[in-house]
Amino acid sequence: MTGSWLRRAGALICLGLLGACSAIPLSTMAAFSTFQESDFAKLDPHVLRVRISVPAGYALDMDSVRLKVSVASGGKSRSEAFTLRTVAETHESKPGGWLSPATPVITTTCALAQASEPAFRELQRFVSSGRTESVALDVSLSLSAAPPGATAATAWVDVLLEPRQGYVTLVDGATLPLNATRVYGRKAE
């Protein structure tokens, strides 16, 4: 059934955190449950944003940050890894829990690099050309700096697909070993 690849997102979310623990908020599942392939085909690559937060004292290696989108449509599959560029960096705090204090973080907002836009548009045309069976969204990152003696880092990842929807949290405080480069994967069929 056309459009069903993200309708079933709540039941088919695949989270590959390389030994990390995280939670996907129910609001994320609800936001993606109504997203259809026609929506993906209409996304403006200039508006698309990925927001990554890491604790103060850690630094992203922006040369390694990638947004990967994989789609299967009409019996064929395509996968593209898009280079991102920094558009903003802010210092803020992530709220703590019942017994933990707020965490000071550095939040890096990324956009598609100009060189990635033609490939993104081509992937949108591919999605428009036939029935979409599955879509996977993947963000990869590496750190270029960490505090001495650190063995793990916490990461938060949000994505903005369209301004009226606002940012959708994909990863909410995942603890990652420092040798991990893949933060998360999201698949909906």
N, C-alpha and C. Protein backbone atom coordinates (compact mmCIF):
# COMPACT_ATOMS: atom_id res chain seq x y z
N MET A 1 0.84 -1.18 0.00
CA MET A 1 0.00 0.00 0.00
C MET A 1 0.89 1.24 0.00
N THR A 2 0.65 2.13 -0.97
CA THR A 2 1.46 3.33 -1.10
C THR A 2 1.37 4.16 0.17
N GLY A 3 2.52 4.67 0.59
CA GLY A 3 2.56 5.51 1.78
C GLY A 3 2.69 4.76 3.07
N SER A 4 2.76 3.46 3.02
CA SER A 4 2.78 2.70 4.26
C SER A 4 4.17 2.56 4.86
N TRP A 5 5.21 2.95 4.14
CA TRP A 5 6.57 2.73 4.62
C TRP A 5 6.87 3.48 5.90
N LEU A 6 6.22 4.58 6.16
CA LEU A 6 6.46 5.27 7.43
C LEU A 6 5.26 5.20 8.36
N ARG A 7 4.13 4.76 7.87
CA ARG A 7 2.95 4.61 8.74
C ARG A 7 3.22 3.57 9.82
N ARG A 8 3.99 2.57 9.47
CA ARG A 8 4.27 1.50 10.42
C ARG A 8 5.56 1.76 11.19
N ALA A 9 6.00 3.00 11.24
CA ALA A 9 7.27 3.32 11.88
C ALA A 9 7.32 2.91 13.34
N GLY A 10 6.23 3.10 14.06
CA GLY A 10 6.22 2.76 15.48
C GLY A 10 6.55 1.31 15.74
N ALA A 11 6.11 0.42 14.87
CA ALA A 11 6.35 -1.01 15.07
C ALA A 11 7.66 -1.48 14.46
N LEU A 12 8.22 -0.71 13.54
CA LEU A 12 9.37 -1.22 12.79
C LEU A 12 10.64 -0.39 12.96
N ILE A 13 10.72 0.40 14.02
CA ILE A 13 11.91 1.21 14.22
C ILE A 13 13.07 0.29 14.58
N CYS A 14 14.14 0.48 13.87
CA CYS A 14 15.33 -0.33 14.11
C CYS A 14 16.41 0.61 14.64
N LEU A 15 16.92 0.35 15.81
CA LEU A 15 17.88 1.25 16.42
C LEU A 15 19.19 0.51 16.60
N GLY A 16 20.22 0.89 15.87
CA GLY A 16 21.52 0.24 15.99
C GLY A 16 22.50 1.17 16.67
N LEU A 17 22.66 1.03 17.94
CA LEU A 17 23.48 1.98 18.70
C LEU A 17 24.82 1.42 19.13
N LEU A 18 25.25 0.32 18.54
CA LEU A 18 26.57 -0.23 18.86
C LEU A 18 26.83 -0.29 20.36
N GLY A 19 25.92 -0.96 21.04
CA GLY A 19 26.11 -1.15 22.47
C GLY A 19 25.61 -0.01 23.33
N ALA A 20 24.90 0.93 22.74
CA ALA A 20 24.43 2.07 23.52
C ALA A 20 22.95 1.87 23.88
N CYS A 21 22.51 2.66 24.84
CA CYS A 21 21.11 2.63 25.24
C CYS A 21 20.51 3.99 24.94
N SER A 22 19.30 3.99 24.41
CA SER A 22 18.61 5.25 24.21
C SER A 22 17.13 5.00 24.12
N ALA A 23 16.38 6.06 24.08
CA ALA A 23 14.93 5.96 23.95
C ALA A 23 14.49 6.77 22.75
N ILE A 24 13.55 6.22 21.99
CA ILE A 24 12.93 6.97 20.92
C ILE A 24 11.60 7.45 21.47
N PRO A 25 11.43 8.75 21.57
CA PRO A 25 10.21 9.28 22.16
C PRO A 25 8.97 8.88 21.35
N LEU A 26 7.85 8.70 22.04
CA LEU A 26 6.59 8.39 21.37
C LEU A 26 6.22 9.49 20.39
N SER A 27 6.59 10.74 20.71
CA SER A 27 6.28 11.85 19.80
C SER A 27 6.98 11.67 18.46
N THR A 28 8.16 11.06 18.46
CA THR A 28 8.88 10.79 17.21
C THR A 28 8.11 9.76 16.39
N MET A 29 7.68 8.69 17.04
CA MET A 29 6.92 7.67 16.33
C MET A 29 5.64 8.25 15.75
N ALA A 30 4.98 9.10 16.52
CA ALA A 30 3.74 9.71 16.03
C ALA A 30 4.02 10.64 14.85
N ALA A 31 5.09 11.42 14.92
CA ALA A 31 5.43 12.35 13.84
C ALA A 31 5.72 11.61 12.55
N PHE A 32 6.44 10.50 12.63
CA PHE A 32 6.79 9.75 11.43
C PHE A 32 5.68 8.83 10.96
N SER A 33 4.69 8.56 11.79
CA SER A 33 3.63 7.64 11.39
C SER A 33 2.77 8.19 10.27
N THR A 34 2.71 9.50 10.10
CA THR A 34 1.91 10.10 9.05
C THR A 34 2.76 10.56 7.86
N PHE A 35 4.06 10.38 7.93
CA PHE A 35 4.96 10.82 6.87
C PHE A 35 4.88 9.81 5.72
N GLN A 36 4.70 10.29 4.49
CA GLN A 36 4.56 9.42 3.33
C GLN A 36 5.68 9.70 2.33
N GLU A 37 5.83 8.77 1.35
CA GLU A 37 6.89 8.97 0.37
C GLU A 37 6.68 10.24 -0.43
N SER A 38 5.44 10.63 -0.64
CA SER A 38 5.20 11.89 -1.35
C SER A 38 5.74 13.07 -0.53
N ASP A 39 5.72 12.94 0.80
CA ASP A 39 6.30 13.97 1.65
C ASP A 39 7.80 14.04 1.46
N PHE A 40 8.46 12.86 1.40
CA PHE A 40 9.91 12.83 1.19
C PHE A 40 10.27 13.48 -0.14
N ALA A 41 9.48 13.18 -1.18
CA ALA A 41 9.76 13.71 -2.51
C ALA A 41 9.62 15.24 -2.53
N LYS A 42 8.84 15.80 -1.61
CA LYS A 42 8.61 17.25 -1.58
C LYS A 42 9.55 18.00 -0.63
N LEU A 43 10.39 17.27 0.12
CA LEU A 43 11.28 17.95 1.07
C LEU A 43 12.19 18.93 0.35
N ASP A 44 12.40 20.06 0.97
CA ASP A 44 13.33 21.05 0.45
C ASP A 44 14.71 20.79 1.06
N PRO A 45 15.70 20.41 0.24
CA PRO A 45 17.02 20.12 0.81
C PRO A 45 17.65 21.32 1.52
N HIS A 46 17.19 22.53 1.19
CA HIS A 46 17.72 23.72 1.87
C HIS A 46 17.17 23.87 3.28
N VAL A 47 16.05 23.22 3.58
CA VAL A 47 15.40 23.32 4.88
C VAL A 47 15.85 22.19 5.81
N LEU A 48 16.18 21.04 5.25
CA LEU A 48 16.57 19.86 6.03
C LEU A 48 17.71 20.20 6.99
N ARG A 49 17.54 19.81 8.26
CA ARG A 49 18.57 20.05 9.28
C ARG A 49 18.73 18.81 10.14
N VAL A 50 19.96 18.60 10.59
CA VAL A 50 20.29 17.58 11.57
C VAL A 50 20.95 18.32 12.73
N ARG A 51 20.44 18.09 13.92
CA ARG A 51 20.97 18.76 15.12
C ARG A 51 21.56 17.68 16.02
N ILE A 52 22.85 17.82 16.33
CA ILE A 52 23.57 16.84 17.15
C ILE A 52 24.10 17.55 18.38
N SER A 53 23.80 16.99 19.56
CA SER A 53 24.29 17.56 20.81
C SER A 53 25.20 16.55 21.50
N VAL A 54 26.34 17.02 21.99
CA VAL A 54 27.26 16.22 22.79
C VAL A 54 27.64 17.04 24.02
N PRO A 55 28.00 16.38 25.12
CA PRO A 55 28.36 17.13 26.32
C PRO A 55 29.53 18.09 26.08
N ALA A 56 29.52 19.19 26.81
CA ALA A 56 30.64 20.14 26.75
C ALA A 56 31.92 19.36 27.06
N GLY A 57 32.98 19.68 26.33
CA GLY A 57 34.25 18.98 26.49
C GLY A 57 34.49 17.98 25.37
N TYR A 58 33.43 17.63 24.64
CA TYR A 58 33.54 16.76 23.47
C TYR A 58 33.39 17.63 22.23
N ALA A 59 33.94 17.19 21.12
CA ALA A 59 33.82 17.94 19.87
C ALA A 59 33.54 16.97 18.72
N LEU A 60 32.61 17.36 17.85
CA LEU A 60 32.31 16.56 16.67
C LEU A 60 33.42 16.70 15.63
N ASP A 61 33.70 15.63 14.92
CA ASP A 61 34.57 15.66 13.74
C ASP A 61 33.65 15.86 12.54
N MET A 62 33.44 17.10 12.14
CA MET A 62 32.47 17.41 11.10
C MET A 62 32.82 16.77 9.75
N ASP A 63 34.07 16.45 9.53
CA ASP A 63 34.44 15.78 8.28
C ASP A 63 33.83 14.38 8.18
N SER A 64 33.43 13.80 9.31
CA SER A 64 32.89 12.44 9.29
C SER A 64 31.37 12.38 9.47
N VAL A 65 30.73 13.49 9.76
CA VAL A 65 29.28 13.49 9.98
C VAL A 65 28.58 13.30 8.64
N ARG A 66 27.69 12.30 8.59
CA ARG A 66 26.95 11.98 7.37
C ARG A 66 25.50 11.69 7.69
N LEU A 67 24.64 12.06 6.77
CA LEU A 67 23.24 11.65 6.78
C LEU A 67 23.09 10.66 5.64
N LYS A 68 22.72 9.44 5.97
CA LYS A 68 22.55 8.41 4.95
C LYS A 68 21.07 8.08 4.84
N VAL A 69 20.58 8.08 3.61
CA VAL A 69 19.20 7.72 3.33
C VAL A 69 19.23 6.54 2.37
N SER A 70 18.54 5.47 2.74
CA SER A 70 18.43 4.28 1.90
C SER A 70 16.96 4.04 1.62
N VAL A 71 16.63 3.79 0.35
CA VAL A 71 15.25 3.53 -0.02
C VAL A 71 15.16 2.32 -0.93
N ALA A 72 14.08 1.59 -0.81
CA ALA A 72 13.74 0.51 -1.74
C ALA A 72 12.42 0.91 -2.38
N SER A 73 12.41 0.92 -3.70
CA SER A 73 11.23 1.36 -4.44
C SER A 73 11.13 0.59 -5.74
N GLY A 74 9.97 0.02 -6.00
CA GLY A 74 9.75 -0.69 -7.26
C GLY A 74 10.72 -1.83 -7.48
N GLY A 75 11.11 -2.53 -6.42
CA GLY A 75 12.03 -3.66 -6.55
C GLY A 75 13.50 -3.26 -6.67
N LYS A 76 13.78 -1.99 -6.65
CA LYS A 76 15.16 -1.50 -6.71
C LYS A 76 15.49 -0.79 -5.41
N SER A 77 16.78 -0.68 -5.12
CA SER A 77 17.16 0.05 -3.90
C SER A 77 18.28 1.03 -4.22
N ARG A 78 18.29 2.10 -3.45
CA ARG A 78 19.31 3.14 -3.57
C ARG A 78 19.70 3.58 -2.17
N SER A 79 20.95 3.96 -2.04
CA SER A 79 21.46 4.46 -0.78
C SER A 79 22.44 5.59 -1.08
N GLU A 80 22.30 6.67 -0.36
CA GLU A 80 23.19 7.82 -0.52
C GLU A 80 23.62 8.32 0.85
N ALA A 81 24.90 8.64 0.97
CA ALA A 81 25.44 9.26 2.19
C ALA A 81 25.72 10.73 1.86
N PHE A 82 25.06 11.61 2.58
CA PHE A 82 25.15 13.03 2.30
C PHE A 82 26.08 13.72 3.28
N THR A 83 26.97 14.52 2.75
CA THR A 83 27.87 15.33 3.56
C THR A 83 27.07 16.49 4.15
N LEU A 84 27.37 16.80 5.40
CA LEU A 84 26.69 17.89 6.08
C LEU A 84 27.68 19.02 6.38
N ARG A 85 27.15 20.20 6.53
CA ARG A 85 27.97 21.36 6.91
C ARG A 85 27.36 22.00 8.16
N THR A 86 28.20 22.63 8.95
CA THR A 86 27.75 23.31 10.16
C THR A 86 27.10 24.63 9.80
N VAL A 87 25.90 24.87 10.34
CA VAL A 87 25.25 26.17 10.16
C VAL A 87 25.17 26.94 11.46
N ALA A 88 25.26 26.24 12.59
CA ALA A 88 25.23 26.92 13.88
C ALA A 88 25.80 25.99 14.95
N GLU A 89 26.38 26.62 15.96
CA GLU A 89 26.85 25.88 17.13
C GLU A 89 26.47 26.68 18.36
N THR A 90 25.75 26.03 19.28
CA THR A 90 25.29 26.73 20.48
C THR A 90 25.66 25.95 21.72
N HIS A 91 25.78 26.66 22.82
CA HIS A 91 26.01 26.04 24.13
C HIS A 91 24.70 26.15 24.90
N GLU A 92 24.21 25.01 25.38
CA GLU A 92 22.95 24.98 26.11
C GLU A 92 23.00 23.85 27.12
N SER A 93 21.87 23.53 27.71
CA SER A 93 21.80 22.43 28.68
C SER A 93 20.67 21.50 28.32
N LYS A 94 20.91 20.21 28.49
CA LYS A 94 19.86 19.20 28.36
C LYS A 94 19.34 18.93 29.76
N PRO A 95 18.03 18.87 29.93
CA PRO A 95 17.48 18.66 31.28
C PRO A 95 17.94 17.34 31.88
N GLY A 96 18.13 17.34 33.17
CA GLY A 96 18.49 16.12 33.89
C GLY A 96 17.24 15.34 34.26
N GLY A 97 17.44 14.22 34.90
CA GLY A 97 16.32 13.40 35.35
C GLY A 97 15.99 13.72 36.79
N TRP A 98 15.28 12.80 37.43
CA TRP A 98 14.87 12.99 38.81
C TRP A 98 16.06 13.20 39.72
N LEU A 99 17.10 12.42 39.53
CA LEU A 99 18.25 12.48 40.43
C LEU A 99 19.53 12.97 39.74
N SER A 100 19.42 13.45 38.52
CA SER A 100 20.61 13.91 37.83
C SER A 100 20.47 15.37 37.41
N PRO A 101 21.58 16.09 37.44
CA PRO A 101 21.53 17.51 37.07
C PRO A 101 21.46 17.68 35.55
N ALA A 102 21.17 18.88 35.11
CA ALA A 102 21.19 19.20 33.70
C ALA A 102 22.60 18.99 33.15
N THR A 103 22.69 18.64 31.86
CA THR A 103 23.98 18.40 31.21
C THR A 103 24.30 19.55 30.27
N PRO A 104 25.40 20.27 30.50
CA PRO A 104 25.80 21.29 29.54
C PRO A 104 26.25 20.61 28.24
N VAL A 105 25.72 21.08 27.11
CA VAL A 105 26.04 20.46 25.82
C VAL A 105 26.44 21.51 24.79
N ILE A 106 27.11 21.02 23.76
CA ILE A 106 27.37 21.81 22.56
C ILE A 106 26.49 21.21 21.48
N THR A 107 25.61 22.04 20.93
CA THR A 107 24.69 21.58 19.90
C THR A 107 25.13 22.13 18.56
N THR A 108 25.35 21.22 17.63
CA THR A 108 25.76 21.59 16.28
C THR A 108 24.58 21.35 15.35
N THR A 109 24.15 22.40 14.68
CA THR A 109 23.09 22.27 13.68
C THR A 109 23.74 22.17 12.31
N CYS A 110 23.34 21.14 11.57
CA CYS A 110 23.95 20.85 10.27
C CYS A 110 22.90 20.92 9.17
N ALA A 111 23.35 21.27 7.99
CA ALA A 111 22.52 21.27 6.79
C ALA A 111 23.24 20.45 5.73
N LEU A 112 22.51 20.06 4.70
CA LEU A 112 23.16 19.37 3.59
C LEU A 112 24.22 20.29 2.98
N ALA A 113 25.38 19.74 2.72
CA ALA A 113 26.40 20.50 2.01
C ALA A 113 25.89 20.74 0.59
N GLN A 114 26.27 21.84 0.00
CA GLN A 114 25.80 22.18 -1.34
C GLN A 114 26.10 21.06 -2.33
N ALA A 115 27.25 20.42 -2.19
CA ALA A 115 27.62 19.33 -3.10
C ALA A 115 26.71 18.11 -2.96
N SER A 116 25.99 17.98 -1.84
CA SER A 116 25.09 16.84 -1.62
C SER A 116 23.69 17.07 -2.17
N GLU A 117 23.34 18.30 -2.46
CA GLU A 117 21.97 18.61 -2.88
C GLU A 117 21.54 17.91 -4.16
N PRO A 118 22.38 17.85 -5.22
CA PRO A 118 21.94 17.14 -6.44
C PRO A 118 21.65 15.65 -6.18
N ALA A 119 22.46 15.00 -5.39
CA ALA A 119 22.23 13.58 -5.08
C ALA A 119 20.96 13.42 -4.26
N PHE A 120 20.67 14.36 -3.36
CA PHE A 120 19.44 14.32 -2.58
C PHE A 120 18.23 14.44 -3.50
N ARG A 121 18.28 15.37 -4.43
CA ARG A 121 17.18 15.56 -5.39
C ARG A 121 16.99 14.30 -6.25
N GLU A 122 18.09 13.68 -6.64
CA GLU A 122 18.01 12.44 -7.43
C GLU A 122 17.34 11.33 -6.62
N LEU A 123 17.65 11.24 -5.34
CA LEU A 123 17.02 10.24 -4.48
C LEU A 123 15.52 10.54 -4.35
N GLN A 124 15.15 11.80 -4.29
CA GLN A 124 13.74 12.16 -4.25
C GLN A 124 13.02 11.72 -5.54
N ARG A 125 13.68 11.89 -6.69
CA ARG A 125 13.09 11.45 -7.95
C ARG A 125 12.91 9.93 -7.96
N PHE A 126 13.89 9.23 -7.41
CA PHE A 126 13.82 7.78 -7.32
C PHE A 126 12.61 7.35 -6.49
N VAL A 127 12.40 8.01 -5.36
CA VAL A 127 11.26 7.69 -4.49
C VAL A 127 9.94 7.97 -5.23
N SER A 128 9.92 9.04 -6.03
CA SER A 128 8.70 9.40 -6.75
C SER A 128 8.39 8.45 -7.90
N SER A 129 9.37 7.68 -8.34
CA SER A 129 9.21 6.86 -9.54
C SER A 129 8.46 5.56 -9.32
N GLY A 130 8.24 5.15 -8.10
CA GLY A 130 7.56 3.89 -7.88
C GLY A 130 7.11 3.73 -6.44
N ARG A 131 6.52 2.58 -6.16
CA ARG A 131 6.04 2.27 -4.81
C ARG A 131 7.23 2.14 -3.86
N THR A 132 7.22 2.88 -2.80
CA THR A 132 8.30 2.83 -1.83
C THR A 132 8.02 1.74 -0.82
N GLU A 133 8.95 0.79 -0.72
CA GLU A 133 8.78 -0.31 0.23
C GLU A 133 9.44 -0.03 1.57
N SER A 134 10.57 0.65 1.56
CA SER A 134 11.22 0.97 2.83
C SER A 134 12.12 2.18 2.67
N VAL A 135 12.31 2.85 3.78
CA VAL A 135 13.22 3.99 3.85
C VAL A 135 13.99 3.86 5.16
N ALA A 136 15.30 4.07 5.11
CA ALA A 136 16.11 4.07 6.32
C ALA A 136 16.88 5.37 6.39
N LEU A 137 16.88 5.97 7.54
CA LEU A 137 17.58 7.23 7.80
C LEU A 137 18.65 6.93 8.82
N ASP A 138 19.88 7.33 8.53
CA ASP A 138 21.02 6.97 9.36
C ASP A 138 21.93 8.19 9.52
N VAL A 139 22.36 8.48 10.73
CA VAL A 139 23.32 9.56 10.96
C VAL A 139 24.58 8.94 11.56
N SER A 140 25.71 9.23 10.95
CA SER A 140 26.99 8.74 11.46
C SER A 140 27.83 9.93 11.91
N LEU A 141 28.58 9.74 12.98
CA LEU A 141 29.45 10.80 13.46
C LEU A 141 30.65 10.22 14.18
N SER A 142 31.67 11.02 14.30
CA SER A 142 32.85 10.71 15.11
C SER A 142 33.17 11.94 15.93
N LEU A 143 33.89 11.72 17.01
CA LEU A 143 34.33 12.83 17.84
C LEU A 143 35.78 13.15 17.53
N SER A 144 36.10 14.42 17.54
CA SER A 144 37.48 14.83 17.33
C SER A 144 38.18 15.15 18.65
N ALA A 145 37.40 15.28 19.72
CA ALA A 145 37.98 15.57 21.03
C ALA A 145 37.07 15.05 22.12
N ALA A 146 37.69 14.62 23.22
CA ALA A 146 36.96 14.14 24.40
C ALA A 146 37.80 14.47 25.62
N PRO A 147 37.16 14.61 26.78
CA PRO A 147 37.91 14.88 28.00
C PRO A 147 38.88 13.72 28.30
N PRO A 148 40.01 14.00 28.93
CA PRO A 148 40.95 12.94 29.27
C PRO A 148 40.28 11.85 30.11
N GLY A 149 40.55 10.61 29.77
CA GLY A 149 40.03 9.48 30.51
C GLY A 149 38.60 9.10 30.18
N ALA A 150 37.94 9.83 29.29
CA ALA A 150 36.56 9.51 28.93
C ALA A 150 36.51 8.21 28.14
N THR A 151 35.53 7.37 28.44
CA THR A 151 35.36 6.11 27.72
C THR A 151 34.04 6.06 26.96
N ALA A 152 33.15 7.01 27.22
CA ALA A 152 31.86 7.05 26.54
C ALA A 152 31.39 8.50 26.44
N ALA A 153 30.47 8.71 25.53
CA ALA A 153 29.87 10.03 25.36
C ALA A 153 28.37 9.85 25.18
N THR A 154 27.63 10.87 25.54
CA THR A 154 26.19 10.87 25.34
C THR A 154 25.89 11.74 24.14
N ALA A 155 24.92 11.31 23.34
CA ALA A 155 24.56 12.09 22.15
C ALA A 155 23.04 12.21 22.04
N TRP A 156 22.62 13.33 21.51
CA TRP A 156 21.23 13.60 21.18
C TRP A 156 21.19 13.96 19.71
N VAL A 157 20.24 13.43 18.97
CA VAL A 157 20.13 13.72 17.54
C VAL A 157 18.68 14.05 17.22
N ASP A 158 18.49 15.19 16.55
CA ASP A 158 17.17 15.64 16.12
C ASP A 158 17.24 15.92 14.62
N VAL A 159 16.11 15.82 13.95
CA VAL A 159 16.06 16.12 12.53
C VAL A 159 14.89 17.05 12.24
N LEU A 160 15.11 17.98 11.34
CA LEU A 160 14.06 18.89 10.88
C LEU A 160 13.84 18.59 9.40
N LEU A 161 12.67 18.05 9.09
CA LEU A 161 12.33 17.74 7.72
C LEU A 161 11.53 18.85 7.07
N GLU A 162 10.67 19.47 7.87
CA GLU A 162 9.88 20.59 7.39
C GLU A 162 9.61 21.53 8.56
N PRO A 163 9.67 22.83 8.32
CA PRO A 163 9.53 23.79 9.42
C PRO A 163 8.23 23.68 10.20
N ARG A 164 7.10 23.41 9.55
CA ARG A 164 5.83 23.36 10.27
C ARG A 164 5.78 22.20 11.25
N GLN A 165 6.57 21.16 11.01
CA GLN A 165 6.61 20.01 11.91
C GLN A 165 7.55 20.26 13.08
N GLY A 166 8.58 21.06 12.85
CA GLY A 166 9.59 21.31 13.88
C GLY A 166 10.56 20.14 13.97
N TYR A 167 11.51 20.26 14.87
CA TYR A 167 12.50 19.18 15.06
C TYR A 167 11.84 17.95 15.67
N VAL A 168 12.28 16.81 15.21
CA VAL A 168 11.83 15.52 15.74
C VAL A 168 13.05 14.85 16.37
N THR A 169 12.93 14.46 17.63
CA THR A 169 14.02 13.80 18.32
C THR A 169 14.15 12.37 17.84
N LEU A 170 15.33 12.02 17.35
CA LEU A 170 15.58 10.65 16.91
C LEU A 170 16.31 9.85 17.98
N VAL A 171 17.24 10.49 18.65
CA VAL A 171 17.99 9.84 19.72
C VAL A 171 17.99 10.80 20.90
N ASP A 172 17.56 10.29 22.04
CA ASP A 172 17.41 11.14 23.23
C ASP A 172 18.37 10.68 24.33
N GLY A 173 19.61 11.12 24.23
CA GLY A 173 20.59 10.82 25.27
C GLY A 173 21.17 9.42 25.20
N ALA A 174 21.60 9.00 24.04
CA ALA A 174 22.24 7.68 23.89
C ALA A 174 23.67 7.75 24.41
N THR A 175 24.06 6.75 25.20
CA THR A 175 25.44 6.66 25.68
C THR A 175 26.21 5.78 24.73
N LEU A 176 27.27 6.32 24.15
CA LEU A 176 28.04 5.64 23.13
C LEU A 176 29.48 5.42 23.58
N PRO A 177 30.05 4.26 23.31
CA PRO A 177 31.48 4.08 23.57
C PRO A 177 32.26 5.00 22.63
N LEU A 178 33.39 5.48 23.07
CA LEU A 178 34.14 6.45 22.26
C LEU A 178 34.62 5.89 20.93
N ASN A 179 34.70 4.58 20.80
CA ASN A 179 35.14 4.03 19.51
C ASN A 179 33.97 3.87 18.54
N ALA A 180 32.75 4.21 18.94
CA ALA A 180 31.59 4.08 18.06
C ALA A 180 31.53 5.26 17.10
N THR A 181 31.23 4.99 15.83
CA THR A 181 31.06 6.06 14.86
C THR A 181 29.63 6.16 14.38
N ARG A 182 28.90 5.07 14.44
CA ARG A 182 27.52 5.10 13.98
C ARG A 182 26.62 5.39 15.17
N VAL A 183 25.88 6.47 15.09
CA VAL A 183 25.06 6.88 16.22
C VAL A 183 23.75 6.13 16.23
N TYR A 184 23.05 6.08 15.14
CA TYR A 184 21.78 5.41 15.16
C TYR A 184 21.35 5.11 13.74
N GLY A 185 20.44 4.21 13.62
CA GLY A 185 19.79 3.92 12.35
C GLY A 185 18.30 3.91 12.58
N ARG A 186 17.56 4.32 11.61
CA ARG A 186 16.11 4.35 11.71
C ARG A 186 15.56 3.77 10.43
N LYS A 187 14.77 2.74 10.54
CA LYS A 187 14.20 2.11 9.37
C LYS A 187 12.70 2.01 9.55
N ALA A 188 12.01 2.33 8.51
CA ALA A 188 10.56 2.17 8.52
C ALA A 188 10.17 1.48 7.23
N GLU A 189 9.30 0.53 7.31
CA GLU A 189 8.84 -0.17 6.11
C GLU A 189 7.35 -0.08 6.00
